[in-house]
Amino acid sequence: MSDGTLRRVKAQFQVSLHPALSETSLAGVEELLNTLLLRYSEDLGGIVLAYGSTTLASHRGLIQPYFPYTHVDVGATVTLFNPKPGCRLVGVVNKVGRDFIGLLVAGIVNASIGADAIRADLASRPAQSAWVSLCNPRHVISIGTTVVFDVLSVTQTGQFVSLKGALREPDTGAVEVVGYPGQPRKEVAVAEEAHKEENGKSTAKRKRRESAGDAAGEEARENGTKKKKKKEKTKTKKRSKDE
């Protein structure tokens, strides 16, 4: 994932504990913090993936009139997932359509890539439930494929986030072909060059066959013309003798 997409911050919370949890206040605090997991927090500015190093600012809490809940201040280290437009992410394909690819990022965030955001060399193959590269037959995107893509937009609805992505750049696509972001693509480059060379050889062979076919056809036409002329001469000679 791109730098800044995952962040670890020290956060402060004010938690209201039920009287039944007052004797085990730390366990009660963690139970309440668990409700924040895998949800978008506006206060923290991201999706809470995990938390740790939970501490109580004081073992004494404040009880407000009319409400038996104990208010305590809590500190914790929180890991946030904060995708933004322009960042590069990795997701696993969970849906494939004629005009889109659906993915799941970090196991929690849905992302979709429309056909208008997929480069021309990747073509939809509905019969295979896949998108296949026209340049490299090894490059296949189907359900279960891990894919590198760029984020175009982020949509937040309540505590949930969804992404719109793109596969426009040549170094996006199936990880087994393009590699993870930042990793060298030597093997991929060699495979692509070999594929291009093979295509080049096939094209050259086809042109040679076409040229050979044209030459053979020309020769056959010439031979046919010669035979025709020879027959005409023979007929002329016979008519002369008869006369």
Protein backbone atom coordinates (compact mmCIF):
# COMPACT_ATOMS: atom_id res chain seq x y z
CA MET A 1 0.00 0.00 0.00
CA SER A 2 1.06 3.57 -0.62
CA ASP A 3 2.76 5.58 2.10
CA GLY A 4 0.26 7.26 4.43
CA THR A 5 -2.53 4.79 3.69
CA LEU A 6 -1.78 2.94 6.93
CA ARG A 7 -1.12 5.11 9.98
CA ARG A 8 -0.50 4.42 13.63
CA VAL A 9 -1.59 7.16 15.99
CA LYS A 10 -1.86 7.71 19.73
CA ALA A 11 -5.47 8.47 20.53
CA GLN A 12 -7.39 9.60 23.59
CA PHE A 13 -10.92 8.39 24.28
CA GLN A 14 -13.53 9.22 26.89
CA VAL A 15 -15.44 6.07 27.72
CA SER A 16 -18.63 5.65 29.73
CA LEU A 17 -18.52 2.39 31.70
CA HIS A 18 -21.58 0.55 32.89
CA PRO A 19 -21.58 -0.09 36.68
CA ALA A 20 -21.31 -3.83 36.01
CA LEU A 21 -17.88 -3.18 34.43
CA SER A 22 -16.54 -0.88 37.11
CA GLU A 23 -14.54 -3.61 38.87
CA THR A 24 -12.80 -4.65 35.64
CA SER A 25 -12.55 -1.23 34.11
CA LEU A 26 -9.76 -2.01 31.58
CA ALA A 27 -11.62 -5.05 30.25
CA GLY A 28 -14.76 -2.93 30.01
CA VAL A 29 -12.87 -0.24 28.10
CA GLU A 30 -11.51 -2.78 25.59
CA GLU A 31 -15.00 -4.20 25.10
CA LEU A 32 -16.23 -0.73 24.13
CA LEU A 33 -13.19 -0.05 21.91
CA ASN A 34 -13.92 -3.28 20.04
CA THR A 35 -17.08 -1.65 18.70
CA LEU A 36 -14.86 0.81 16.76
CA LEU A 37 -13.00 -1.93 14.88
CA LEU A 38 -13.45 -2.11 11.09
CA ARG A 39 -15.50 1.08 11.16
CA TYR A 40 -14.70 4.54 9.83
CA SER A 41 -14.05 7.04 12.62
CA GLU A 42 -14.52 10.71 11.74
CA ASP A 43 -12.64 11.74 14.89
CA LEU A 44 -9.59 9.65 13.94
CA GLY A 45 -9.93 10.16 10.18
CA GLY A 46 -9.76 6.54 9.06
CA ILE A 47 -10.96 2.97 9.43
CA VAL A 48 -9.86 1.45 12.74
CA LEU A 49 -8.03 -1.79 11.98
CA ALA A 50 -6.53 -2.46 15.39
CA TYR A 51 -5.65 -0.91 18.73
CA GLY A 52 -3.21 -1.71 21.52
CA SER A 53 -1.27 -0.39 24.51
CA THR A 54 -4.53 0.57 26.19
CA THR A 55 -4.06 2.59 29.39
CA LEU A 56 -6.33 4.34 31.87
CA ALA A 57 -5.48 7.96 32.60
CA SER A 58 -6.73 7.36 36.15
CA HIS A 59 -8.31 4.55 38.11
CA ARG A 60 -10.88 7.01 39.35
CA GLY A 61 -13.76 7.98 37.11
CA LEU A 62 -16.34 10.73 37.11
CA ILE A 63 -19.98 9.90 37.77
CA GLN A 64 -22.48 12.45 36.50
CA PRO A 65 -25.81 13.08 38.30
CA TYR A 66 -28.78 10.98 37.18
CA PHE A 67 -26.54 8.61 35.16
CA PRO A 68 -24.76 5.72 36.91
CA TYR A 69 -22.11 5.39 34.18
CA THR A 70 -18.49 6.05 35.10
CA HIS A 71 -16.63 8.35 32.68
CA VAL A 72 -12.94 7.52 32.28
CA ASP A 73 -10.17 8.83 30.01
CA VAL A 74 -8.37 6.16 28.01
CA GLY A 75 -5.24 6.21 25.86
CA ALA A 76 -4.48 3.70 23.08
CA THR A 77 -2.33 3.22 19.99
CA VAL A 78 -4.62 2.85 16.98
CA THR A 79 -3.83 1.54 13.48
CA LEU A 80 -5.85 3.37 10.82
CA PHE A 81 -6.55 2.58 7.18
CA ASN A 82 -6.98 5.87 5.35
CA PRO A 83 -7.15 5.46 1.53
CA LYS A 84 -7.11 8.63 -0.58
CA PRO A 85 -7.49 9.36 -4.31
CA GLY A 86 -4.20 8.78 -6.09
CA CYS A 87 -2.90 6.11 -3.72
CA ARG A 88 -2.05 2.60 -4.93
CA LEU A 89 -3.63 -0.39 -3.20
CA VAL A 90 -3.77 -4.17 -3.45
CA GLY A 91 -7.07 -6.04 -3.38
CA VAL A 92 -8.48 -9.50 -4.05
CA VAL A 93 -11.03 -9.89 -6.85
CA ASN A 94 -14.41 -11.11 -5.60
CA LYS A 95 -16.58 -10.23 -8.60
CA VAL A 96 -15.99 -10.11 -12.36
CA GLY A 97 -18.45 -8.63 -14.84
CA ARG A 98 -18.55 -7.71 -18.50
CA ASP A 99 -18.00 -4.04 -17.61
CA PHE A 100 -16.38 -4.05 -14.16
CA ILE A 101 -14.06 -5.76 -11.68
CA GLY A 102 -14.96 -5.92 -7.97
CA LEU A 103 -12.36 -6.26 -5.21
CA LEU A 104 -12.03 -6.47 -1.45
CA VAL A 105 -9.22 -4.42 0.12
CA ALA A 106 -7.74 -5.42 3.49
CA GLY A 107 -10.64 -7.85 3.79
CA ILE A 108 -13.07 -5.04 4.70
CA VAL A 109 -13.30 -2.33 2.02
CA ASN A 110 -15.18 -2.85 -1.25
CA ALA A 111 -13.64 -1.43 -4.43
CA SER A 112 -14.93 -1.39 -7.99
CA ILE A 113 -13.11 -0.77 -11.29
CA GLY A 114 -15.32 0.17 -14.23
CA ALA A 115 -14.55 -0.76 -17.83
CA ASP A 116 -13.91 2.92 -18.62
CA ALA A 117 -11.04 2.87 -16.11
CA ILE A 118 -9.38 -0.29 -17.50
CA ARG A 119 -6.70 0.11 -20.18
CA ALA A 120 -7.34 -1.12 -23.72
CA ASP A 121 -5.00 -4.13 -23.64
CA LEU A 122 -7.14 -5.80 -20.93
CA ALA A 123 -10.26 -7.25 -22.53
CA SER A 124 -13.36 -8.75 -20.93
CA ARG A 125 -13.90 -12.47 -21.48
CA PRO A 126 -17.42 -13.22 -20.12
CA ALA A 127 -17.20 -16.90 -21.06
CA GLN A 128 -14.14 -17.24 -18.79
CA SER A 129 -15.45 -14.80 -16.13
CA ALA A 130 -12.16 -12.96 -16.50
CA TRP A 131 -10.30 -10.02 -17.99
CA VAL A 132 -7.35 -11.11 -20.15
CA SER A 133 -4.42 -9.12 -21.54
CA LEU A 134 -4.21 -8.97 -25.33
CA CYS A 135 -0.43 -8.49 -25.05
CA ASN A 136 0.41 -11.17 -22.49
CA PRO A 137 -1.77 -14.33 -22.24
CA ARG A 138 -0.30 -14.96 -18.76
CA HIS A 139 -2.02 -11.82 -17.50
CA VAL A 140 -5.47 -13.02 -16.40
CA ILE A 141 -7.71 -11.31 -13.82
CA SER A 142 -10.43 -13.56 -12.39
CA ILE A 143 -12.07 -14.26 -9.02
CA GLY A 144 -9.37 -14.78 -6.39
CA THR A 145 -6.69 -12.84 -8.29
CA THR A 146 -4.68 -10.34 -6.23
CA VAL A 147 -4.64 -7.04 -8.12
CA VAL A 148 -2.68 -3.79 -7.87
CA PHE A 149 -4.83 -0.75 -8.71
CA ASP A 150 -4.96 3.02 -8.32
CA VAL A 151 -7.67 4.76 -6.26
CA LEU A 152 -9.77 7.29 -8.17
CA SER A 153 -12.25 8.24 -5.45
CA VAL A 154 -13.30 7.39 -1.90
CA THR A 155 -16.95 7.33 -0.82
CA GLN A 156 -17.88 7.43 2.86
CA THR A 157 -21.36 6.36 3.94
CA GLY A 158 -21.74 6.50 7.70
CA GLN A 159 -19.11 4.21 9.20
CA PHE A 160 -18.35 2.45 5.93
CA VAL A 161 -16.07 3.32 3.00
CA SER A 162 -16.05 2.18 -0.62
CA LEU A 163 -13.49 2.84 -3.35
CA LYS A 164 -13.52 3.46 -7.08
CA GLY A 165 -10.32 2.33 -8.78
CA ALA A 166 -8.49 2.17 -12.10
CA LEU A 167 -6.20 -0.14 -14.08
CA ARG A 168 -4.90 2.45 -16.54
CA GLU A 169 -1.18 2.33 -15.77
CA PRO A 170 0.96 -0.50 -17.26
CA ASP A 171 2.26 -1.50 -13.81
CA THR A 172 -1.25 -2.19 -12.48
CA GLY A 173 -3.05 -5.50 -12.77
CA ALA A 174 -2.52 -9.05 -11.49
CA VAL A 175 0.26 -9.13 -8.87
CA GLU A 176 1.73 -12.36 -10.27
CA VAL A 177 2.41 -10.46 -13.49
CA VAL A 178 3.13 -6.84 -12.50
CA GLY A 179 4.50 -7.51 -9.00
CA TYR A 180 3.69 -5.67 -5.79
CA PRO A 181 4.09 -1.87 -5.72
CA GLY A 182 7.77 -0.95 -5.43
CA GLN A 183 9.05 -4.41 -6.38
CA PRO A 184 11.25 -4.92 -9.48
CA ARG A 185 9.52 -6.36 -12.54
CA LYS A 186 12.52 -8.09 -14.18
CA GLU A 187 10.76 -11.41 -14.60
CA VAL A 188 7.67 -9.71 -15.98
CA ALA A 189 9.74 -7.60 -18.38
CA VAL A 190 11.55 -10.69 -19.66
CA ALA A 191 8.24 -12.51 -20.13
CA GLU A 192 6.72 -9.56 -21.97
CA GLU A 193 9.77 -9.17 -24.21
CA ALA A 194 9.72 -12.90 -24.96
CA HIS A 195 6.05 -12.65 -25.83
CA LYS A 196 6.70 -9.68 -28.13
CA GLU A 197 9.63 -11.51 -29.76
CA GLU A 198 7.47 -14.60 -30.27
CA ASN A 199 4.74 -12.45 -31.83
CA GLY A 200 7.38 -10.81 -34.03
CA LYS A 201 8.65 -14.19 -35.22
CA SER A 202 5.11 -15.37 -35.93
CA THR A 203 4.41 -12.22 -37.94
CA ALA A 204 7.66 -12.65 -39.90
CA LYS A 205 6.83 -16.30 -40.67
CA ARG A 206 3.36 -15.33 -41.80
CA LYS A 207 4.77 -12.65 -44.09
CA ARG A 208 7.31 -15.13 -45.54
CA ARG A 209 4.52 -17.62 -46.18
CA GLU A 210 2.43 -14.93 -47.83
CA SER A 211 5.41 -13.86 -49.95
CA ALA A 212 6.15 -17.46 -50.90
CA GLY A 213 2.50 -17.98 -51.77
CA ASP A 214 2.46 -14.84 -53.91
CA ALA A 215 5.64 -15.97 -55.71
CA ALA A 216 4.23 -19.46 -56.32
CA GLY A 217 1.00 -17.96 -57.61
CA GLU A 218 2.87 -15.65 -59.94
CA GLU A 219 4.98 -18.53 -61.22
CA ALA A 220 1.88 -20.65 -61.77
CA ARG A 221 0.25 -17.80 -63.70
CA GLU A 222 3.36 -17.39 -65.83
CA ASN A 223 3.49 -21.13 -66.54
CA GLY A 224 -0.19 -21.11 -67.43
CA THR A 225 0.33 -18.21 -69.83
CA LYS A 226 3.28 -19.99 -71.51
CA LYS A 227 1.27 -23.22 -71.91
CA LYS A 228 -1.64 -21.28 -73.37
CA LYS A 229 0.60 -19.55 -75.87
CA LYS A 230 2.22 -22.87 -76.78
CA LYS A 231 -1.19 -24.45 -77.40
CA GLU A 232 -2.23 -21.52 -79.57
CA LYS A 233 0.97 -21.89 -81.65
CA THR A 234 0.34 -25.61 -82.06
CA LYS A 235 -3.22 -24.98 -83.28
CA THR A 236 -1.96 -22.36 -85.76
CA LYS A 237 0.61 -24.80 -87.19
CA LYS A 238 -2.07 -27.50 -87.63
CA ARG A 239 -4.37 -25.11 -89.49
CA SER A 240 -1.48 -24.12 -91.78
CA LYS A 241 -0.76 -27.79 -92.66
CA ASP A 242 -4.44 -28.46 -93.34
CA GLU A 243 -4.59 -25.54 -95.72
